[in-house]
Amino acid sequence: MNFSRVILAYVALLSAFTFAYTPSKNSRPKYSKQPTYNPSKVIDYKLLYFRIKWFLNFSQGNILDVLKENGLTTFVDLIIKAGLEVTFSQPRPFIVWAPTNEAFAAIGPETLNFILSDASLLKDILTYHLGLFLQTYTLVPAIKDELTLPTVQGEVTRINVYRKKGSSFVSERTVTVNGALVVNALPAGDSIIYVIDRVLSQPSRSLDIVELSATIRSKTLFAPTDTAFQALPAGLLDSLFANPKELVKLLNNHIASGTFYSRGFVSGPLPVVSGITVDVDLSPTTITIGDANVIDADITTIEGVLHVVDAVIFKRQYRI
């Protein structure tokens, strides 16, 4: 066992106690009938759990060994086929986004064979699943809402933490990376592996269709199909093109501030950039935004996420 690693792990563990709970200056447990505490500094047990787990697993296994032991064999086979064993075994902290075997099967044999036939493309995809991180730390508990993380491939992944409305930091949450659900966390030496339910796609660049949207750091774009625009009443598009301000308002109905992947939506009103809100309606199989159905979800972009919808979000429902 590397002694320096044990010392670092011990410091990380000790810090969880030090910062998770600090008695207030006025607390006098020796004379008080009830303990005095600062509610903002109650122990974050979930973070503490991850750090203890990290300490216990700190020197155990490298990335490829841990992947094999946990049945992520398709990912391992592809890494070996691409000749990336050394890349995934470097002595530095990594965040590994590891798709399950079922996730690789879901992309279909034709697509998978196409990827396998192109060595450069295969390496590109696999190294996009290998994130760069500067310290040995459990990443997800440290994220408030959203984080972009650079990868060995060169592009970034977008990590989102969605919590139940009105819930606290330590309550139940959903974590996604580029919309893929994180289903498990596996320590692997200096690195940590997050198991995900789909293969990641690299971000595309969506067009800043209006000036206002360019000021939003992260955004959700609902993009109607050509057929959706063609279904508008005759002459409406021509009148909109003749009135740029009204056209901008219409387009801004399709942009929301913040990154909402499909797993981040909740039923209810969603504010959009135009200054109104549109209704979000969720069912087990569909997502409806206003009068539009999402027909292709979770397309990661540089600016956030894009959902293709089958209708123009035109009708104003509520004004903020």
C-alpha atoms as a PDB file:
ATOM      1  CA  MET A   1       0.000   0.000   0.000  1.00  0.00           C
ATOM      2  CA  ASN A   2       1.309   3.457  -0.941  1.00  0.00           C
ATOM      3  CA  PHE A   3       1.799   5.264   2.411  1.00  0.00           C
ATOM      4  CA  SER A   4       1.337   8.758   0.902  1.00  0.00           C
ATOM      5  CA  ARG A   5      -2.022   7.704  -0.522  1.00  0.00           C
ATOM      6  CA  VAL A   6      -3.171   6.500   2.887  1.00  0.00           C
ATOM      7  CA  ILE A   7      -2.179   9.835   4.434  1.00  0.00           C
ATOM      8  CA  LEU A   8      -4.093  11.770   1.749  1.00  0.00           C
ATOM      9  CA  ALA A   9      -7.135   9.558   2.206  1.00  0.00           C
ATOM     10  CA  TYR A  10      -6.989  10.069   5.965  1.00  0.00           C
ATOM     11  CA  VAL A  11      -6.851  13.851   5.504  1.00  0.00           C
ATOM     12  CA  ALA A  12      -9.873  13.705   3.180  1.00  0.00           C
ATOM     13  CA  LEU A  13     -11.754  11.606   5.733  1.00  0.00           C
ATOM     14  CA  LEU A  14     -10.804  13.919   8.596  1.00  0.00           C
ATOM     15  CA  SER A  15     -11.956  16.969   6.610  1.00  0.00           C
ATOM     16  CA  ALA A  16     -15.400  15.408   6.212  1.00  0.00           C
ATOM     17  CA  PHE A  17     -15.802  15.531  10.007  1.00  0.00           C
ATOM     18  CA  THR A  18     -14.155  18.937  10.388  1.00  0.00           C
ATOM     19  CA  PHE A  19     -16.310  20.753   7.833  1.00  0.00           C
ATOM     20  CA  ALA A  20     -19.470  18.665   8.118  1.00  0.00           C
ATOM     21  CA  TYR A  21     -20.080  19.598  11.749  1.00  0.00           C
ATOM     22  CA  THR A  22     -18.804  22.591  13.677  1.00  0.00           C
ATOM     23  CA  PRO A  23     -20.455  23.474  17.011  1.00  0.00           C
ATOM     24  CA  SER A  24     -21.632  27.060  17.333  1.00  0.00           C
ATOM     25  CA  LYS A  25     -19.666  29.406  19.579  1.00  0.00           C
ATOM     26  CA  ASN A  26     -22.558  29.641  21.991  1.00  0.00           C
ATOM     27  CA  SER A  27     -23.025  25.898  22.383  1.00  0.00           C
ATOM     28  CA  ARG A  28     -22.352  24.625  25.894  1.00  0.00           C
ATOM     29  CA  PRO A  29     -23.077  20.908  25.866  1.00  0.00           C
ATOM     30  CA  LYS A  30     -21.830  20.529  29.431  1.00  0.00           C
ATOM     31  CA  TYR A  31     -24.659  22.664  30.851  1.00  0.00           C
ATOM     32  CA  SER A  32     -27.349  22.564  28.141  1.00  0.00           C
ATOM     33  CA  LYS A  33     -30.196  20.122  28.406  1.00  0.00           C
ATOM     34  CA  GLN A  34     -30.291  19.911  24.599  1.00  0.00           C
ATOM     35  CA  PRO A  35     -27.285  20.134  22.248  1.00  0.00           C
ATOM     36  CA  THR A  36     -26.917  23.423  20.411  1.00  0.00           C
ATOM     37  CA  TYR A  37     -26.034  23.207  16.750  1.00  0.00           C
ATOM     38  CA  ASN A  38     -25.939  25.285  13.614  1.00  0.00           C
ATOM     39  CA  PRO A  39     -28.462  23.815  11.099  1.00  0.00           C
ATOM     40  CA  SER A  40     -26.306  24.926   8.184  1.00  0.00           C
ATOM     41  CA  LYS A  41     -23.502  22.703   9.424  1.00  0.00           C
ATOM     42  CA  VAL A  42     -25.320  19.438  10.060  1.00  0.00           C
ATOM     43  CA  ILE A  43     -23.268  16.427   8.993  1.00  0.00           C
ATOM     44  CA  ASP A  44     -23.630  15.624   5.290  1.00  0.00           C
ATOM     45  CA  TYR A  45     -23.847  11.856   5.792  1.00  0.00           C
ATOM     46  CA  LYS A  46     -23.938  11.064   2.097  1.00  0.00           C
ATOM     47  CA  LEU A  47     -20.684  12.944   1.481  1.00  0.00           C
ATOM     48  CA  LEU A  48     -19.196  11.341   4.590  1.00  0.00           C
ATOM     49  CA  TYR A  49     -20.242   7.890   3.352  1.00  0.00           C
ATOM     50  CA  PHE A  50     -18.524   8.420  -0.003  1.00  0.00           C
ATOM     51  CA  ARG A  51     -15.336   9.614   1.682  1.00  0.00           C
ATOM     52  CA  ILE A  52     -15.246   6.636   4.054  1.00  0.00           C
ATOM     53  CA  LYS A  53     -15.902   4.318   1.115  1.00  0.00           C
ATOM     54  CA  TRP A  54     -13.122   6.092  -0.768  1.00  0.00           C
ATOM     55  CA  PHE A  55     -10.724   5.622   2.155  1.00  0.00           C
ATOM     56  CA  LEU A  56     -11.474   1.901   2.380  1.00  0.00           C
ATOM     57  CA  ASN A  57     -10.970   1.399  -1.362  1.00  0.00           C
ATOM     58  CA  PHE A  58      -8.175   3.893  -1.888  1.00  0.00           C
ATOM     59  CA  SER A  59      -5.430   1.509  -2.965  1.00  0.00           C
ATOM     60  CA  GLN A  60      -7.571  -1.246  -4.421  1.00  0.00           C
ATOM     61  CA  GLY A  61      -7.619  -1.988  -8.142  1.00  0.00           C
ATOM     62  CA  ASN A  62      -6.945  -0.050 -11.304  1.00  0.00           C
ATOM     63  CA  ILE A  63      -9.603   1.105 -13.748  1.00  0.00           C
ATOM     64  CA  LEU A  64      -9.576  -1.923 -16.064  1.00  0.00           C
ATOM     65  CA  ASP A  65      -9.596  -4.405 -13.173  1.00  0.00           C
ATOM     66  CA  VAL A  66     -12.541  -2.671 -11.496  1.00  0.00           C
ATOM     67  CA  LEU A  67     -14.449  -2.517 -14.798  1.00  0.00           C
ATOM     68  CA  LYS A  68     -13.961  -6.270 -15.300  1.00  0.00           C
ATOM     69  CA  GLU A  69     -14.883  -7.133 -11.726  1.00  0.00           C
ATOM     70  CA  ASN A  70     -18.152  -5.236 -12.093  1.00  0.00           C
ATOM     71  CA  GLY A  71     -19.184  -6.831 -15.367  1.00  0.00           C
ATOM     72  CA  LEU A  72     -18.528  -3.856 -17.664  1.00  0.00           C
ATOM     73  CA  THR A  73     -16.879  -6.185 -20.149  1.00  0.00           C
ATOM     74  CA  THR A  74     -17.950  -4.579 -23.438  1.00  0.00           C
ATOM     75  CA  PHE A  75     -16.301  -1.314 -22.400  1.00  0.00           C
ATOM     76  CA  VAL A  76     -13.117  -3.172 -21.428  1.00  0.00           C
ATOM     77  CA  ASP A  77     -13.059  -5.158 -24.692  1.00  0.00           C
ATOM     78  CA  LEU A  78     -13.362  -1.949 -26.727  1.00  0.00           C
ATOM     79  CA  ILE A  79     -10.596  -0.256 -24.721  1.00  0.00           C
ATOM     80  CA  ILE A  80      -8.282  -3.195 -25.449  1.00  0.00           C
ATOM     81  CA  LYS A  81      -9.302  -3.343 -29.113  1.00  0.00           C
ATOM     82  CA  ALA A  82      -8.511   0.372 -29.468  1.00  0.00           C
ATOM     83  CA  GLY A  83      -5.106  -0.081 -27.796  1.00  0.00           C
ATOM     84  CA  LEU A  84      -5.987   2.320 -24.976  1.00  0.00           C
ATOM     85  CA  GLU A  85      -4.983   0.154 -21.995  1.00  0.00           C
ATOM     86  CA  VAL A  86      -2.066   2.461 -21.162  1.00  0.00           C
ATOM     87  CA  THR A  87      -4.242   5.578 -21.486  1.00  0.00           C
ATOM     88  CA  PHE A  88      -6.796   4.198 -19.027  1.00  0.00           C
ATOM     89  CA  SER A  89      -4.044   3.053 -16.640  1.00  0.00           C
ATOM     90  CA  GLN A  90      -2.088   6.276 -16.215  1.00  0.00           C
ATOM     91  CA  PRO A  91      -1.120   7.068 -12.588  1.00  0.00           C
ATOM     92  CA  ARG A  92      -3.356  10.124 -12.207  1.00  0.00           C
ATOM     93  CA  PRO A  93      -6.945  10.776 -11.114  1.00  0.00           C
ATOM     94  CA  PHE A  94      -9.581  10.142 -13.787  1.00  0.00           C
ATOM     95  CA  ILE A  95     -13.338  10.290 -13.900  1.00  0.00           C
ATOM     96  CA  VAL A  96     -14.482   7.339 -16.013  1.00  0.00           C
ATOM     97  CA  TRP A  97     -17.960   7.315 -17.559  1.00  0.00           C
ATOM     98  CA  ALA A  98     -18.530   3.594 -18.058  1.00  0.00           C
ATOM     99  CA  PRO A  99     -21.555   2.516 -20.137  1.00  0.00           C
ATOM    100  CA  THR A 100     -23.127  -0.795 -19.193  1.00  0.00           C
ATOM    101  CA  ASN A 101     -23.055  -3.733 -21.605  1.00  0.00           C
ATOM    102  CA  GLU A 102     -26.749  -3.056 -22.245  1.00  0.00           C
ATOM    103  CA  ALA A 103     -25.933   0.543 -23.189  1.00  0.00           C
ATOM    104  CA  PHE A 104     -23.551  -0.630 -25.913  1.00  0.00           C
ATOM    105  CA  ALA A 105     -26.102  -3.197 -27.114  1.00  0.00           C
ATOM    106  CA  ALA A 106     -28.725  -0.441 -27.372  1.00  0.00           C
ATOM    107  CA  ILE A 107     -26.799   1.458 -30.059  1.00  0.00           C
ATOM    108  CA  GLY A 108     -27.364  -1.520 -32.379  1.00  0.00           C
ATOM    109  CA  PRO A 109     -24.966  -3.934 -34.130  1.00  0.00           C
ATOM    110  CA  GLU A 110     -24.834  -1.890 -37.341  1.00  0.00           C
ATOM    111  CA  THR A 111     -23.720   1.275 -35.552  1.00  0.00           C
ATOM    112  CA  LEU A 112     -21.298  -0.638 -33.336  1.00  0.00           C
ATOM    113  CA  ASN A 113     -19.732  -2.386 -36.343  1.00  0.00           C
ATOM    114  CA  PHE A 114     -19.331   0.969 -38.074  1.00  0.00           C
ATOM    115  CA  ILE A 115     -17.505   2.336 -35.023  1.00  0.00           C
ATOM    116  CA  LEU A 116     -15.303  -0.761 -34.824  1.00  0.00           C
ATOM    117  CA  SER A 117     -14.353  -0.363 -38.492  1.00  0.00           C
ATOM    118  CA  ASP A 118     -12.895   3.086 -37.814  1.00  0.00           C
ATOM    119  CA  ALA A 119     -10.015   2.935 -35.315  1.00  0.00           C
ATOM    120  CA  SER A 120      -9.806   6.718 -35.006  1.00  0.00           C
ATOM    121  CA  LEU A 121     -13.521   7.060 -34.305  1.00  0.00           C
ATOM    122  CA  LEU A 122     -13.391   4.268 -31.718  1.00  0.00           C
ATOM    123  CA  LYS A 123     -10.542   5.977 -29.846  1.00  0.00           C
ATOM    124  CA  ASP A 124     -12.373   9.289 -30.054  1.00  0.00           C
ATOM    125  CA  ILE A 125     -15.500   7.841 -28.468  1.00  0.00           C
ATOM    126  CA  LEU A 126     -13.677   5.930 -25.730  1.00  0.00           C
ATOM    127  CA  THR A 127     -11.414   8.818 -24.686  1.00  0.00           C
ATOM    128  CA  TYR A 128     -14.516  11.030 -24.516  1.00  0.00           C
ATOM    129  CA  HIS A 129     -15.612   8.720 -21.673  1.00  0.00           C
ATOM    130  CA  LEU A 130     -12.398   9.479 -19.758  1.00  0.00           C
ATOM    131  CA  GLY A 131     -12.604  12.720 -17.802  1.00  0.00           C
ATOM    132  CA  LEU A 132      -9.686  14.736 -16.483  1.00  0.00           C
ATOM    133  CA  PHE A 133      -9.711  15.610 -12.806  1.00  0.00           C
ATOM    134  CA  LEU A 134      -7.079  17.272 -10.661  1.00  0.00           C
ATOM    135  CA  GLN A 135      -7.637  15.529  -7.344  1.00  0.00           C
ATOM    136  CA  THR A 136      -8.767  12.248  -5.852  1.00  0.00           C
ATOM    137  CA  TYR A 137     -12.269  13.180  -4.835  1.00  0.00           C
ATOM    138  CA  THR A 138     -15.784  11.857  -5.201  1.00  0.00           C
ATOM    139  CA  LEU A 139     -17.077  14.216  -7.857  1.00  0.00           C
ATOM    140  CA  VAL A 140     -20.867  14.056  -7.706  1.00  0.00           C
ATOM    141  CA  PRO A 141     -21.370  15.054  -4.023  1.00  0.00           C
ATOM    142  CA  ALA A 142     -19.386  18.238  -4.709  1.00  0.00           C
ATOM    143  CA  ILE A 143     -21.621  19.460  -7.577  1.00  0.00           C
ATOM    144  CA  LYS A 144     -24.348  21.932  -6.715  1.00  0.00           C
ATOM    145  CA  ASP A 145     -26.333  21.887  -9.984  1.00  0.00           C
ATOM    146  CA  GLU A 146     -24.129  21.634 -13.062  1.00  0.00           C
ATOM    147  CA  LEU A 147     -20.514  21.152 -14.073  1.00  0.00           C
ATOM    148  CA  THR A 148     -18.650  20.763 -17.350  1.00  0.00           C
ATOM    149  CA  LEU A 149     -15.659  18.451 -17.190  1.00  0.00           C
ATOM    150  CA  PRO A 150     -12.854  18.220 -19.790  1.00  0.00           C
ATOM    151  CA  THR A 151     -12.018  14.839 -21.289  1.00  0.00           C
ATOM    152  CA  VAL A 152      -8.912  13.183 -22.685  1.00  0.00           C
ATOM    153  CA  GLN A 153     -10.582  13.415 -26.111  1.00  0.00           C
ATOM    154  CA  GLY A 154     -10.633  17.228 -25.842  1.00  0.00           C
ATOM    155  CA  GLU A 155     -14.353  18.010 -25.631  1.00  0.00           C
ATOM    156  CA  VAL A 156     -16.252  18.466 -22.370  1.00  0.00           C
ATOM    157  CA  THR A 157     -18.990  16.431 -20.713  1.00  0.00           C
ATOM    158  CA  ARG A 158     -21.913  18.137 -18.996  1.00  0.00           C
ATOM    159  CA  ILE A 159     -22.846  16.810 -15.565  1.00  0.00           C
ATOM    160  CA  ASN A 160     -26.197  17.782 -14.055  1.00  0.00           C
ATOM    161  CA  VAL A 161     -27.582  17.123 -10.587  1.00  0.00           C
ATOM    162  CA  TYR A 162     -31.363  17.348 -10.377  1.00  0.00           C
ATOM    163  CA  ARG A 163     -32.887  17.392  -6.901  1.00  0.00           C
ATOM    164  CA  LYS A 164     -36.510  17.087  -5.897  1.00  0.00           C
ATOM    165  CA  LYS A 165     -38.238  20.443  -5.646  1.00  0.00           C
ATOM    166  CA  GLY A 166     -37.732  21.992  -2.235  1.00  0.00           C
ATOM    167  CA  SER A 167     -35.415  19.228  -1.082  1.00  0.00           C
ATOM    168  CA  SER A 168     -32.118  19.606   0.721  1.00  0.00           C
ATOM    169  CA  PHE A 169     -28.621  18.887  -0.567  1.00  0.00           C
ATOM    170  CA  VAL A 170     -28.488  15.409   0.941  1.00  0.00           C
ATOM    171  CA  SER A 171     -31.880  14.223  -0.277  1.00  0.00           C
ATOM    172  CA  GLU A 172     -32.652  11.925  -3.184  1.00  0.00           C
ATOM    173  CA  ARG A 173     -31.283  13.194  -6.500  1.00  0.00           C
ATOM    174  CA  THR A 174     -30.832  12.286 -10.133  1.00  0.00           C
ATOM    175  CA  VAL A 175     -27.381  12.664 -11.679  1.00  0.00           C
ATOM    176  CA  THR A 176     -26.788  12.692 -15.434  1.00  0.00           C
ATOM    177  CA  VAL A 177     -23.827  13.163 -17.742  1.00  0.00           C
ATOM    178  CA  ASN A 178     -24.855  14.363 -21.207  1.00  0.00           C
ATOM    179  CA  GLY A 179     -28.306  13.095 -20.255  1.00  0.00           C
ATOM    180  CA  ALA A 180     -27.123   9.564 -19.400  1.00  0.00           C
ATOM    181  CA  LEU A 181     -28.193   8.408 -15.952  1.00  0.00           C
ATOM    182  CA  VAL A 182     -25.436   7.691 -13.411  1.00  0.00           C
ATOM    183  CA  VAL A 183     -26.429   4.394 -11.782  1.00  0.00           C
ATOM    184  CA  ASN A 184     -23.405   3.514  -9.648  1.00  0.00           C
ATOM    185  CA  ALA A 185     -20.028   4.761  -8.388  1.00  0.00           C
ATOM    186  CA  LEU A 186     -16.953   2.503  -8.222  1.00  0.00           C
ATOM    187  CA  PRO A 187     -13.665   3.627  -6.624  1.00  0.00           C
ATOM    188  CA  ALA A 188     -10.594   2.555  -8.613  1.00  0.00           C
ATOM    189  CA  GLY A 189      -7.348   3.611  -6.972  1.00  0.00           C
ATOM    190  CA  ASP A 190      -6.851   7.330  -7.594  1.00  0.00           C
ATOM    191  CA  SER A 191      -9.807   7.390 -10.001  1.00  0.00           C
ATOM    192  CA  ILE A 192     -13.536   6.899  -9.758  1.00  0.00           C
ATOM    193  CA  ILE A 193     -15.806   5.127 -12.231  1.00  0.00           C
ATOM    194  CA  TYR A 194     -19.382   6.278 -12.744  1.00  0.00           C
ATOM    195  CA  VAL A 195     -21.531   3.605 -14.392  1.00  0.00           C
ATOM    196  CA  ILE A 196     -24.002   5.108 -16.884  1.00  0.00           C
ATOM    197  CA  ASP A 197     -26.984   3.761 -18.798  1.00  0.00           C
ATOM    198  CA  ARG A 198     -26.062   4.941 -22.309  1.00  0.00           C
ATOM    199  CA  VAL A 199     -23.052   5.602 -24.522  1.00  0.00           C
ATOM    200  CA  LEU A 200     -22.113   9.301 -24.543  1.00  0.00           C
ATOM    201  CA  SER A 201     -22.332  11.422 -27.682  1.00  0.00           C
ATOM    202  CA  GLN A 202     -20.018  14.363 -28.150  1.00  0.00           C
ATOM    203  CA  PRO A 203     -21.636  17.824 -28.026  1.00  0.00           C
ATOM    204  CA  SER A 204     -22.703  19.587 -31.189  1.00  0.00           C
ATOM    205  CA  ARG A 205     -22.863  23.349 -31.591  1.00  0.00           C
ATOM    206  CA  SER A 206     -26.382  24.762 -31.704  1.00  0.00           C
ATOM    207  CA  LEU A 207     -27.044  28.059 -33.445  1.00  0.00           C
ATOM    208  CA  ASP A 208     -27.592  31.163 -31.308  1.00  0.00           C
ATOM    209  CA  ILE A 209     -30.804  32.088 -33.038  1.00  0.00           C
ATOM    210  CA  VAL A 210     -31.449  35.274 -31.093  1.00  0.00           C
ATOM    211  CA  GLU A 211     -29.235  37.831 -29.438  1.00  0.00           C
ATOM    212  CA  LEU A 212     -30.792  37.341 -26.005  1.00  0.00           C
ATOM    213  CA  SER A 213     -30.025  33.635 -25.941  1.00  0.00           C
ATOM    214  CA  ALA A 214     -26.313  34.344 -26.395  1.00  0.00           C
ATOM    215  CA  THR A 215     -26.263  35.940 -22.927  1.00  0.00           C
ATOM    216  CA  ILE A 216     -27.452  32.722 -21.255  1.00  0.00           C
ATOM    217  CA  ARG A 217     -24.597  30.583 -20.020  1.00  0.00           C
ATOM    218  CA  SER A 218     -26.437  27.255 -20.315  1.00  0.00           C
ATOM    219  CA  LYS A 219     -29.695  26.734 -22.109  1.00  0.00           C
ATOM    220  CA  THR A 220     -32.311  24.250 -23.207  1.00  0.00           C
ATOM    221  CA  LEU A 221     -33.476  24.589 -26.807  1.00  0.00           C
ATOM    222  CA  PHE A 222     -36.703  23.107 -28.150  1.00  0.00           C
ATOM    223  CA  ALA A 223     -36.208  22.803 -31.915  1.00  0.00           C
ATOM    224  CA  PRO A 224     -39.344  22.323 -34.067  1.00  0.00           C
ATOM    225  CA  THR A 225     -39.030  20.196 -37.184  1.00  0.00           C
ATOM    226  CA  ASP A 226     -39.512  21.640 -40.681  1.00  0.00           C
ATOM    227  CA  THR A 227     -42.874  19.884 -40.751  1.00  0.00           C
ATOM    228  CA  ALA A 228     -43.888  21.736 -37.588  1.00  0.00           C
ATOM    229  CA  PHE A 229     -43.227  25.118 -39.218  1.00  0.00           C
ATOM    230  CA  GLN A 230     -45.025  24.051 -42.394  1.00  0.00           C
ATOM    231  CA  ALA A 231     -48.100  23.230 -40.291  1.00  0.00           C
ATOM    232  CA  LEU A 232     -48.500  26.858 -39.146  1.00  0.00           C
ATOM    233  CA  PRO A 233     -51.438  28.822 -40.616  1.00  0.00           C
ATOM    234  CA  ALA A 234     -50.857  30.125 -44.123  1.00  0.00           C
ATOM    235  CA  GLY A 235     -49.109  33.471 -44.189  1.00  0.00           C
ATOM    236  CA  LEU A 236     -48.062  33.393 -40.535  1.00  0.00           C
ATOM    237  CA  LEU A 237     -44.371  32.805 -41.222  1.00  0.00           C
ATOM    238  CA  ASP A 238     -44.316  35.565 -43.836  1.00  0.00           C
ATOM    239  CA  SER A 239     -45.829  38.014 -41.363  1.00  0.00           C
ATOM    240  CA  LEU A 240     -43.298  36.990 -38.711  1.00  0.00           C
ATOM    241  CA  PHE A 241     -40.384  37.499 -41.102  1.00  0.00           C
ATOM    242  CA  ALA A 242     -41.783  40.943 -41.835  1.00  0.00           C
ATOM    243  CA  ASN A 243     -41.843  41.726 -38.101  1.00  0.00           C
ATOM    244  CA  PRO A 244     -38.463  40.721 -36.599  1.00  0.00           C
ATOM    245  CA  LYS A 245     -39.471  41.611 -33.025  1.00  0.00           C
ATOM    246  CA  GLU A 246     -42.409  39.207 -33.102  1.00  0.00           C
ATOM    247  CA  LEU A 247     -40.201  36.557 -34.715  1.00  0.00           C
ATOM    248  CA  VAL A 248     -37.687  36.899 -31.884  1.00  0.00           C
ATOM    249  CA  LYS A 249     -40.479  36.529 -29.322  1.00  0.00           C
ATOM    250  CA  LEU A 250     -41.660  33.364 -31.012  1.00  0.00           C
ATOM    251  CA  LEU A 251     -38.170  31.882 -31.161  1.00  0.00           C
ATOM    252  CA  ASN A 252     -37.570  32.759 -27.513  1.00  0.00           C
ATOM    253  CA  ASN A 253     -40.585  30.614 -26.592  1.00  0.00           C
ATOM    254  CA  HIS A 254     -38.294  27.715 -27.491  1.00  0.00           C
ATOM    255  CA  ILE A 255     -35.380  28.582 -25.178  1.00  0.00           C
ATOM    256  CA  ALA A 256     -35.193  27.996 -21.412  1.00  0.00           C
ATOM    257  CA  SER A 257     -32.396  29.131 -19.135  1.00  0.00           C
ATOM    258  CA  GLY A 258     -30.571  26.174 -17.591  1.00  0.00           C
ATOM    259  CA  THR A 259     -29.865  22.680 -18.825  1.00  0.00           C
ATOM    260  CA  PHE A 260     -32.899  20.391 -18.707  1.00  0.00           C
ATOM    261  CA  TYR A 261     -32.220  16.897 -19.950  1.00  0.00           C
ATOM    262  CA  SER A 262     -35.261  14.620 -20.067  1.00  0.00           C
ATOM    263  CA  ARG A 263     -34.491  13.275 -16.596  1.00  0.00           C
ATOM    264  CA  GLY A 264     -34.414  16.831 -15.237  1.00  0.00           C
ATOM    265  CA  PHE A 265     -37.956  17.806 -16.235  1.00  0.00           C
ATOM    266  CA  VAL A 266     -40.825  17.930 -13.760  1.00  0.00           C
ATOM    267  CA  SER A 267     -44.470  18.442 -14.668  1.00  0.00           C
ATOM    268  CA  GLY A 268     -45.560  22.056 -14.305  1.00  0.00           C
ATOM    269  CA  PRO A 269     -44.802  25.527 -15.704  1.00  0.00           C
ATOM    270  CA  LEU A 270     -41.374  26.163 -17.220  1.00  0.00           C
ATOM    271  CA  PRO A 271     -40.190  29.781 -17.706  1.00  0.00           C
ATOM    272  CA  VAL A 272     -38.773  30.524 -21.160  1.00  0.00           C
ATOM    273  CA  VAL A 273     -36.686  33.415 -22.463  1.00  0.00           C
ATOM    274  CA  SER A 274     -39.632  35.258 -24.045  1.00  0.00           C
ATOM    275  CA  GLY A 275     -40.958  36.036 -20.553  1.00  0.00           C
ATOM    276  CA  ILE A 276     -43.798  33.542 -20.448  1.00  0.00           C
ATOM    277  CA  THR A 277     -44.044  30.023 -19.081  1.00  0.00           C
ATOM    278  CA  VAL A 278     -45.029  26.875 -20.954  1.00  0.00           C
ATOM    279  CA  ASP A 279     -46.541  23.756 -19.453  1.00  0.00           C
ATOM    280  CA  VAL A 280     -44.365  20.655 -19.135  1.00  0.00           C
ATOM    281  CA  ASP A 281     -46.338  17.430 -18.971  1.00  0.00           C
ATOM    282  CA  LEU A 282     -44.582  14.133 -18.254  1.00  0.00           C
ATOM    283  CA  SER A 283     -45.877  10.618 -18.756  1.00  0.00           C
ATOM    284  CA  PRO A 284     -43.981   7.309 -18.601  1.00  0.00           C
ATOM    285  CA  THR A 285     -43.370   7.448 -22.361  1.00  0.00           C
ATOM    286  CA  THR A 286     -43.757  11.082 -23.478  1.00  0.00           C
ATOM    287  CA  ILE A 287     -42.686  14.647 -22.707  1.00  0.00           C
ATOM    288  CA  THR A 288     -44.930  17.498 -23.834  1.00  0.00           C
ATOM    289  CA  ILE A 289     -43.759  21.121 -23.894  1.00  0.00           C
ATOM    290  CA  GLY A 290     -46.740  23.406 -24.438  1.00  0.00           C
ATOM    291  CA  ASP A 291     -48.558  21.814 -27.373  1.00  0.00           C
ATOM    292  CA  ALA A 292     -45.401  20.141 -28.695  1.00  0.00           C
ATOM    293  CA  ASN A 293     -44.225  16.577 -28.143  1.00  0.00           C
ATOM    294  CA  VAL A 294     -40.523  15.859 -27.685  1.00  0.00           C
ATOM    295  CA  ILE A 295     -39.646  13.367 -30.437  1.00  0.00           C
ATOM    296  CA  ASP A 296     -35.853  13.318 -30.080  1.00  0.00           C
ATOM    297  CA  ALA A 297     -34.475  14.139 -26.636  1.00  0.00           C
ATOM    298  CA  ASP A 298     -31.162  14.871 -24.950  1.00  0.00           C
ATOM    299  CA  ILE A 299     -28.967  16.088 -27.808  1.00  0.00           C
ATOM    300  CA  THR A 300     -25.978  17.595 -26.006  1.00  0.00           C
ATOM    301  CA  THR A 301     -24.701  20.903 -27.373  1.00  0.00           C
ATOM    302  CA  ILE A 302     -21.839  23.198 -26.417  1.00  0.00           C
ATOM    303  CA  GLU A 303     -24.361  25.585 -24.854  1.00  0.00           C
ATOM    304  CA  GLY A 304     -26.546  22.988 -23.110  1.00  0.00           C
ATOM    305  CA  VAL A 305     -29.095  20.541 -24.500  1.00  0.00           C
ATOM    306  CA  LEU A 306     -31.481  20.394 -27.478  1.00  0.00           C
ATOM    307  CA  HIS A 307     -34.793  18.550 -27.788  1.00  0.00           C
ATOM    308  CA  VAL A 308     -36.502  18.126 -31.158  1.00  0.00           C
ATOM    309  CA  VAL A 309     -40.247  18.832 -30.948  1.00  0.00           C
ATOM    310  CA  ASP A 310     -43.092  18.173 -33.390  1.00  0.00           C
ATOM    311  CA  ALA A 311     -44.854  21.552 -33.106  1.00  0.00           C
ATOM    312  CA  VAL A 312     -44.034  25.231 -32.801  1.00  0.00           C
ATOM    313  CA  ILE A 313     -44.450  26.528 -29.247  1.00  0.00           C
ATOM    314  CA  PHE A 314     -46.549  29.473 -30.294  1.00  0.00           C
ATOM    315  CA  LYS A 315     -49.471  29.892 -27.928  1.00  0.00           C
ATOM    316  CA  ARG A 316     -48.690  32.063 -24.901  1.00  0.00           C
ATOM    317  CA  GLN A 317     -50.019  30.421 -21.761  1.00  0.00           C
ATOM    318  CA  TYR A 318     -48.859  32.449 -18.769  1.00  0.00           C
ATOM    319  CA  ARG A 319     -47.015  35.724 -18.368  1.00  0.00           C
ATOM    320  CA  ILE A 320     -44.412  35.971 -15.625  1.00  0.00           C
END
